Amino acid sequence: EEAIDYAAKELQRRGINVDRQKLLATIEAAWMQ
């Protein structure tokens, strides 16, 4: 949840809106890597 919140805020600051499911999948891929 902390990772998703951090990523959502950072992306929103840069003008990119991403849904939570996409962030979850991308963060899980980073965790697996």
All heavy atoms as atom14 arrays in JSON, in Angstrom:
{
  "sequence": "EEAIDYAAKELQRRGINVDRQKLLATIEAAWMQ",
  "atom14_mask": [
    [1, 1, 1, 1, 1, 1, 1, 1, 1, 0, 0, 0, 0, 0],
    [1, 1, 1, 1, 1, 1, 1, 1, 1, 0, 0, 0, 0, 0],
    [1, 1, 1, 1, 1, 0, 0, 0, 0, 0, 0, 0, 0, 0],
    [1, 1, 1, 1, 1, 1, 1, 1, 0, 0, 0, 0, 0, 0],
    [1, 1, 1, 1, 1, 1, 1, 1, 0, 0, 0, 0, 0, 0],
    [1, 1, 1, 1, 1, 1, 1, 1, 1, 1, 1, 1, 0, 0],
    [1, 1, 1, 1, 1, 0, 0, 0, 0, 0, 0, 0, 0, 0],
    [1, 1, 1, 1, 1, 0, 0, 0, 0, 0, 0, 0, 0, 0],
    [1, 1, 1, 1, 1, 1, 1, 1, 1, 0, 0, 0, 0, 0],
    [1, 1, 1, 1, 1, 1, 1, 1, 1, 0, 0, 0, 0, 0],
    [1, 1, 1, 1, 1, 1, 1, 1, 0, 0, 0, 0, 0, 0],
    [1, 1, 1, 1, 1, 1, 1, 1, 1, 0, 0, 0, 0, 0],
    [1, 1, 1, 1, 1, 1, 1, 1, 1, 1, 1, 0, 0, 0],
    [1, 1, 1, 1, 1, 1, 1, 1, 1, 1, 1, 0, 0, 0],
    [1, 1, 1, 1, 0, 0, 0, 0, 0, 0, 0, 0, 0, 0],
    [1, 1, 1, 1, 1, 1, 1, 1, 0, 0, 0, 0, 0, 0],
    [1, 1, 1, 1, 1, 1, 1, 1, 0, 0, 0, 0, 0, 0],
    [1, 1, 1, 1, 1, 1, 1, 0, 0, 0, 0, 0, 0, 0],
    [1, 1, 1, 1, 1, 1, 1, 1, 0, 0, 0, 0, 0, 0],
    [1, 1, 1, 1, 1, 1, 1, 1, 1, 1, 1, 0, 0, 0],
    [1, 1, 1, 1, 1, 1, 1, 1, 1, 0, 0, 0, 0, 0],
    [1, 1, 1, 1, 1, 1, 1, 1, 1, 0, 0, 0, 0, 0],
    [1, 1, 1, 1, 1, 1, 1, 1, 0, 0, 0, 0, 0, 0],
    [1, 1, 1, 1, 1, 1, 1, 1, 0, 0, 0, 0, 0, 0],
    [1, 1, 1, 1, 1, 0, 0, 0, 0, 0, 0, 0, 0, 0],
    [1, 1, 1, 1, 1, 1, 1, 0, 0, 0, 0, 0, 0, 0],
    [1, 1, 1, 1, 1, 1, 1, 1, 0, 0, 0, 0, 0, 0],
    [1, 1, 1, 1, 1, 1, 1, 1, 1, 0, 0, 0, 0, 0],
    [1, 1, 1, 1, 1, 0, 0, 0, 0, 0, 0, 0, 0, 0],
    [1, 1, 1, 1, 1, 0, 0, 0, 0, 0, 0, 0, 0, 0],
    [1, 1, 1, 1, 1, 1, 1, 1, 1, 1, 1, 1, 1, 1],
    [1, 1, 1, 1, 1, 1, 1, 1, 0, 0, 0, 0, 0, 0],
    [1, 1, 1, 1, 1, 1, 1, 1, 1, 0, 0, 0, 0, 0]
  ],
  "atom14_positions": [
    [[0.84, -1.21, 0.0], [0.0, 0.0, 0.0], [0.87, 1.26, 0.0], [0.58, 2.22, -0.7], [-0.96, 0.0, 1.2], [-2.1, -0.96, 1.07], [-2.99, -0.68, -0.14], [-3.31, 0.51, -0.39], [-3.35, -1.64, -0.84], [0.0, 0.0, 0.0], [0.0, 0.0, 0.0], [0.0, 0.0, 0.0], [0.0, 0.0, 0.0], [0.0, 0.0, 0.0]],
    [[1.94, 1.24, 0.79], [2.86, 2.37, 0.82], [3.52, 2.57, -0.54], [3.66, 3.7, -1.01], [3.93, 2.17, 1.89], [3.44, 2.33, 3.31], [4.53, 2.09, 4.34], [5.73, 2.09, 3.98], [4.19, 1.9, 5.52], [0.0, 0.0, 0.0], [0.0, 0.0, 0.0], [0.0, 0.0, 0.0], [0.0, 0.0, 0.0], [0.0, 0.0, 0.0]],
    [[3.91, 1.48, -1.16], [4.54, 1.56, -2.48], [3.56, 2.11, -3.52], [3.92, 2.97, -4.33], [5.06, 0.19, -2.91], [0.0, 0.0, 0.0], [0.0, 0.0, 0.0], [0.0, 0.0, 0.0], [0.0, 0.0, 0.0], [0.0, 0.0, 0.0], [0.0, 0.0, 0.0], [0.0, 0.0, 0.0], [0.0, 0.0, 0.0], [0.0, 0.0, 0.0]],
    [[2.33, 1.62, -3.5], [1.33, 2.09, -4.45], [1.04, 3.58, -4.23], [0.96, 4.35, -5.2], [0.04, 1.25, -4.36], [0.3, -0.16, -4.9], [-1.11, 1.9, -5.12], [-0.84, -1.14, -4.68], [0.0, 0.0, 0.0], [0.0, 0.0, 0.0], [0.0, 0.0, 0.0], [0.0, 0.0, 0.0], [0.0, 0.0, 0.0], [0.0, 0.0, 0.0]],
    [[0.89, 3.98, -2.98], [0.64, 5.39, -2.67], [1.79, 6.27, -3.15], [1.58, 7.32, -3.76], [0.4, 5.59, -1.18], [-0.93, 5.03, -0.72], [-1.82, 4.8, -1.57], [-1.07, 4.81, 0.51], [0.0, 0.0, 0.0], [0.0, 0.0, 0.0], [0.0, 0.0, 0.0], [0.0, 0.0, 0.0], [0.0, 0.0, 0.0], [0.0, 0.0, 0.0]],
    [[3.01, 5.83, -2.87], [4.19, 6.59, -3.3], [4.21, 6.72, -4.82], [4.39, 7.82, -5.35], [5.47, 5.9, -2.81], [6.73, 6.56, -3.3], [7.32, 7.59, -2.57], [7.34, 6.17, -4.49], [8.47, 8.21, -3.02], [8.48, 6.78, -4.95], [9.05, 7.81, -4.21], [10.18, 8.43, -4.66], [0.0, 0.0, 0.0], [0.0, 0.0, 0.0]],
    [[4.04, 5.61, -5.52], [4.09, 5.64, -6.98], [2.96, 6.49, -7.57], [3.18, 7.27, -8.5], [4.01, 4.21, -7.54], [0.0, 0.0, 0.0], [0.0, 0.0, 0.0], [0.0, 0.0, 0.0], [0.0, 0.0, 0.0], [0.0, 0.0, 0.0], [0.0, 0.0, 0.0], [0.0, 0.0, 0.0], [0.0, 0.0, 0.0], [0.0, 0.0, 0.0]],
    [[1.75, 6.36, -7.02], [0.62, 7.14, -7.53], [0.88, 8.64, -7.37], [0.63, 9.42, -8.3], [-0.66, 6.74, -6.81], [0.0, 0.0, 0.0], [0.0, 0.0, 0.0], [0.0, 0.0, 0.0], [0.0, 0.0, 0.0], [0.0, 0.0, 0.0], [0.0, 0.0, 0.0], [0.0, 0.0, 0.0], [0.0, 0.0, 0.0], [0.0, 0.0, 0.0]],
    [[1.39, 9.04, -6.21], [1.66, 10.46, -5.98], [2.77, 10.97, -6.9], [2.67, 12.07, -7.45], [2.03, 10.7, -4.52], [0.86, 10.59, -3.58], [1.29, 10.72, -2.13], [0.1, 10.48, -1.2], [0.52, 10.43, 0.21], [0.0, 0.0, 0.0], [0.0, 0.0, 0.0], [0.0, 0.0, 0.0], [0.0, 0.0, 0.0], [0.0, 0.0, 0.0]],
    [[3.81, 10.19, -7.05], [4.94, 10.59, -7.9], [4.5, 10.7, -9.37], [4.85, 11.66, -10.06], [6.09, 9.6, -7.76], [7.33, 9.99, -8.52], [7.99, 11.27, -8.03], [7.81, 11.65, -6.86], [8.69, 11.9, -8.85], [0.0, 0.0, 0.0], [0.0, 0.0, 0.0], [0.0, 0.0, 0.0], [0.0, 0.0, 0.0], [0.0, 0.0, 0.0]],
    [[3.73, 9.73, -9.84], [3.26, 9.78, -11.23], [2.27, 10.92, -11.43], [2.31, 11.6, -12.47], [2.63, 8.44, -11.62], [3.62, 7.29, -11.79], [2.89, 5.97, -11.87], [4.49, 7.51, -13.03], [0.0, 0.0, 0.0], [0.0, 0.0, 0.0], [0.0, 0.0, 0.0], [0.0, 0.0, 0.0], [0.0, 0.0, 0.0], [0.0, 0.0, 0.0]],
    [[1.42, 11.15, -10.46], [0.45, 12.24, -10.57], [1.18, 13.59, -10.6], [0.8, 14.49, -11.34], [-0.52, 12.19, -9.4], [-1.77, 13.01, -9.62], [-2.82, 12.69, -8.57], [-2.48, 12.46, -7.41], [-4.07, 12.68, -8.97], [0.0, 0.0, 0.0], [0.0, 0.0, 0.0], [0.0, 0.0, 0.0], [0.0, 0.0, 0.0], [0.0, 0.0, 0.0]],
    [[2.24, 13.7, -9.82], [3.05, 14.92, -9.82], [3.63, 15.18, -11.21], [3.81, 16.32, -11.62], [4.17, 14.8, -8.79], [5.0, 16.06, -8.61], [6.08, 15.88, -7.56], [7.13, 14.97, -7.94], [8.14, 15.26, -8.75], [8.24, 16.45, -9.28], [9.07, 14.37, -9.03], [0.0, 0.0, 0.0], [0.0, 0.0, 0.0], [0.0, 0.0, 0.0]],
    [[3.9, 14.11, -11.94], [4.46, 14.23, -13.3], [3.38, 14.27, -14.38], [3.68, 14.23, -15.56], [5.41, 13.08, -13.56], [6.62, 13.11, -12.64], [7.47, 11.89, -12.82], [8.53, 11.83, -11.84], [9.8, 11.62, -12.16], [10.15, 11.45, -13.4], [10.7, 11.58, -11.22], [0.0, 0.0, 0.0], [0.0, 0.0, 0.0], [0.0, 0.0, 0.0]],
    [[2.12, 14.28, -13.95], [1.03, 14.4, -14.92], [0.57, 13.1, -15.54], [-0.08, 13.11, -16.58], [0.0, 0.0, 0.0], [0.0, 0.0, 0.0], [0.0, 0.0, 0.0], [0.0, 0.0, 0.0], [0.0, 0.0, 0.0], [0.0, 0.0, 0.0], [0.0, 0.0, 0.0], [0.0, 0.0, 0.0], [0.0, 0.0, 0.0], [0.0, 0.0, 0.0]],
    [[0.89, 11.97, -14.92], [0.48, 10.67, -15.44], [-0.46, 10.03, -14.45], [-0.13, 9.83, -13.29], [1.71, 9.74, -15.66], [2.69, 10.39, -16.64], [1.27, 8.37, -16.16], [4.0, 9.65, -16.78], [0.0, 0.0, 0.0], [0.0, 0.0, 0.0], [0.0, 0.0, 0.0], [0.0, 0.0, 0.0], [0.0, 0.0, 0.0], [0.0, 0.0, 0.0]],
    [[-1.67, 9.72, -14.92], [-2.66, 9.05, -14.06], [-2.68, 7.57, -14.39], [-2.88, 7.19, -15.54], [-4.05, 9.66, -14.26], [-4.12, 11.08, -13.76], [-3.54, 11.41, -12.73], [-4.83, 11.93, -14.47], [0.0, 0.0, 0.0], [0.0, 0.0, 0.0], [0.0, 0.0, 0.0], [0.0, 0.0, 0.0], [0.0, 0.0, 0.0], [0.0, 0.0, 0.0]],
    [[-2.45, 6.75, -13.39], [-2.4, 5.3, -13.56], [-3.32, 4.68, -12.52], [-3.32, 5.1, -11.36], [-0.95, 4.77, -13.37], [-0.89, 3.28, -13.57], [-0.01, 5.47, -14.33], [0.0, 0.0, 0.0], [0.0, 0.0, 0.0], [0.0, 0.0, 0.0], [0.0, 0.0, 0.0], [0.0, 0.0, 0.0], [0.0, 0.0, 0.0], [0.0, 0.0, 0.0]],
    [[-4.08, 3.67, -12.93], [-4.97, 3.02, -11.96], [-4.17, 2.13, -11.02], [-3.05, 1.73, -11.3], [-6.1, 2.25, -12.65], [-5.61, 1.11, -13.52], [-4.71, 0.36, -13.08], [-6.13, 0.95, -14.63], [0.0, 0.0, 0.0], [0.0, 0.0, 0.0], [0.0, 0.0, 0.0], [0.0, 0.0, 0.0], [0.0, 0.0, 0.0], [0.0, 0.0, 0.0]],
    [[-4.75, 1.83, -9.88], [-4.07, 1.07, -8.82], [-3.7, -0.34, -9.27], [-2.67, -0.86, -8.86], [-4.93, 1.04, -7.56], [-5.03, 2.41, -6.9], [-5.8, 2.37, -5.6], [-5.12, 1.71, -4.52], [-4.19, 2.24, -3.74], [-3.8, 3.48, -3.97], [-3.65, 1.56, -2.75], [0.0, 0.0, 0.0], [0.0, 0.0, 0.0], [0.0, 0.0, 0.0]],
    [[-4.52, -0.97, -10.09], [-4.23, -2.33, -10.55], [-2.94, -2.36, -11.38], [-2.12, -3.25, -11.23], [-5.39, -2.88, -11.38], [-6.62, -3.21, -10.57], [-6.35, -4.34, -9.6], [-5.94, -4.12, -8.46], [-6.58, -5.55, -10.03], [0.0, 0.0, 0.0], [0.0, 0.0, 0.0], [0.0, 0.0, 0.0], [0.0, 0.0, 0.0], [0.0, 0.0, 0.0]],
    [[-2.79, -1.37, -12.25], [-1.59, -1.3, -13.07], [-0.36, -1.04, -12.21], [0.7, -1.65, -12.41], [-1.75, -0.2, -14.13], [-0.65, -0.16, -15.14], [-0.99, 0.83, -16.23], [0.04, 0.82, -17.32], [-0.31, 1.7, -18.41], [0.0, 0.0, 0.0], [0.0, 0.0, 0.0], [0.0, 0.0, 0.0], [0.0, 0.0, 0.0], [0.0, 0.0, 0.0]],
    [[-0.5, -0.16, -11.21], [0.61, 0.1, -10.29], [0.95, -1.15, -9.5], [2.13, -1.47, -9.31], [0.27, 1.24, -9.34], [0.34, 2.65, -9.91], [-0.09, 3.66, -8.88], [1.72, 2.95, -10.42], [0.0, 0.0, 0.0], [0.0, 0.0, 0.0], [0.0, 0.0, 0.0], [0.0, 0.0, 0.0], [0.0, 0.0, 0.0], [0.0, 0.0, 0.0]],
    [[-0.07, -1.85, -9.02], [0.15, -3.08, -8.27], [0.94, -4.09, -9.1], [1.94, -4.65, -8.63], [-1.19, -3.67, -7.83], [-1.13, -5.04, -7.13], [-0.39, -4.92, -5.81], [-2.53, -5.58, -6.92], [0.0, 0.0, 0.0], [0.0, 0.0, 0.0], [0.0, 0.0, 0.0], [0.0, 0.0, 0.0], [0.0, 0.0, 0.0], [0.0, 0.0, 0.0]],
    [[0.52, -4.28, -10.33], [1.21, -5.25, -11.2], [2.65, -4.83, -11.48], [3.57, -5.66, -11.45], [0.45, -5.39, -12.52], [0.0, 0.0, 0.0], [0.0, 0.0, 0.0], [0.0, 0.0, 0.0], [0.0, 0.0, 0.0], [0.0, 0.0, 0.0], [0.0, 0.0, 0.0], [0.0, 0.0, 0.0], [0.0, 0.0, 0.0], [0.0, 0.0, 0.0]],
    [[2.86, -3.55, -11.71], [4.21, -3.07, -12.01], [5.12, -3.15, -10.79], [6.29, -3.53, -10.89], [4.15, -1.63, -12.54], [3.19, -1.57, -13.6], [5.48, -1.2, -13.11], [0.0, 0.0, 0.0], [0.0, 0.0, 0.0], [0.0, 0.0, 0.0], [0.0, 0.0, 0.0], [0.0, 0.0, 0.0], [0.0, 0.0, 0.0], [0.0, 0.0, 0.0]],
    [[4.59, -2.84, -9.62], [5.39, -2.93, -8.38], [5.69, -4.39, -8.05], [6.79, -4.72, -7.61], [4.69, -2.2, -7.22], [4.67, -0.7, -7.51], [5.36, -2.49, -5.89], [3.79, 0.11, -6.59], [0.0, 0.0, 0.0], [0.0, 0.0, 0.0], [0.0, 0.0, 0.0], [0.0, 0.0, 0.0], [0.0, 0.0, 0.0], [0.0, 0.0, 0.0]],
    [[4.72, -5.27, -8.27], [4.97, -6.7, -8.04], [6.06, -7.21, -8.98], [6.89, -8.03, -8.59], [3.69, -7.5, -8.23], [2.75, -7.37, -7.04], [1.46, -8.16, -7.21], [1.16, -8.63, -8.33], [0.75, -8.3, -6.21], [0.0, 0.0, 0.0], [0.0, 0.0, 0.0], [0.0, 0.0, 0.0], [0.0, 0.0, 0.0], [0.0, 0.0, 0.0]],
    [[6.08, -6.71, -10.22], [7.15, -7.1, -11.15], [8.5, -6.61, -10.63], [9.51, -7.34, -10.71], [6.87, -6.54, -12.54], [0.0, 0.0, 0.0], [0.0, 0.0, 0.0], [0.0, 0.0, 0.0], [0.0, 0.0, 0.0], [0.0, 0.0, 0.0], [0.0, 0.0, 0.0], [0.0, 0.0, 0.0], [0.0, 0.0, 0.0], [0.0, 0.0, 0.0]],
    [[8.54, -5.41, -10.06], [9.79, -4.9, -9.48], [10.21, -5.75, -8.29], [11.4, -6.05, -8.11], [9.6, -3.44, -9.05], [0.0, 0.0, 0.0], [0.0, 0.0, 0.0], [0.0, 0.0, 0.0], [0.0, 0.0, 0.0], [0.0, 0.0, 0.0], [0.0, 0.0, 0.0], [0.0, 0.0, 0.0], [0.0, 0.0, 0.0], [0.0, 0.0, 0.0]],
    [[9.24, -6.17, -7.49], [9.55, -7.03, -6.34], [10.11, -8.37, -6.81], [11.09, -8.86, -6.26], [8.28, -7.24, -5.51], [8.47, -8.21, -4.38], [9.07, -7.96, -3.19], [8.09, -9.58, -4.35], [9.08, -9.09, -2.41], [8.48, -10.11, -3.1], [7.46, -10.42, -5.26], [8.25, -11.43, -2.76], [7.23, -11.73, -4.91], [7.63, -12.23, -3.67]],
    [[9.5, -8.95, -7.85], [9.99, -10.23, -8.37], [11.4, -10.08, -8.94], [12.24, -10.95, -8.75], [9.03, -10.75, -9.44], [7.67, -11.14, -8.89], [6.54, -11.59, -10.2], [6.64, -13.37, -10.04], [0.0, 0.0, 0.0], [0.0, 0.0, 0.0], [0.0, 0.0, 0.0], [0.0, 0.0, 0.0], [0.0, 0.0, 0.0], [0.0, 0.0, 0.0]],
    [[11.63, -8.97, -9.62], [12.96, -8.73, -10.18], [13.98, -8.57, -9.04], [15.09, -9.08, -9.12], [12.94, -7.49, -11.06], [14.23, -7.23, -11.78], [14.13, -6.0, -12.66], [13.32, -5.11, -12.42], [14.95, -5.96, -13.69], [0.0, 0.0, 0.0], [0.0, 0.0, 0.0], [0.0, 0.0, 0.0], [0.0, 0.0, 0.0], [0.0, 0.0, 0.0]]
  ]
}
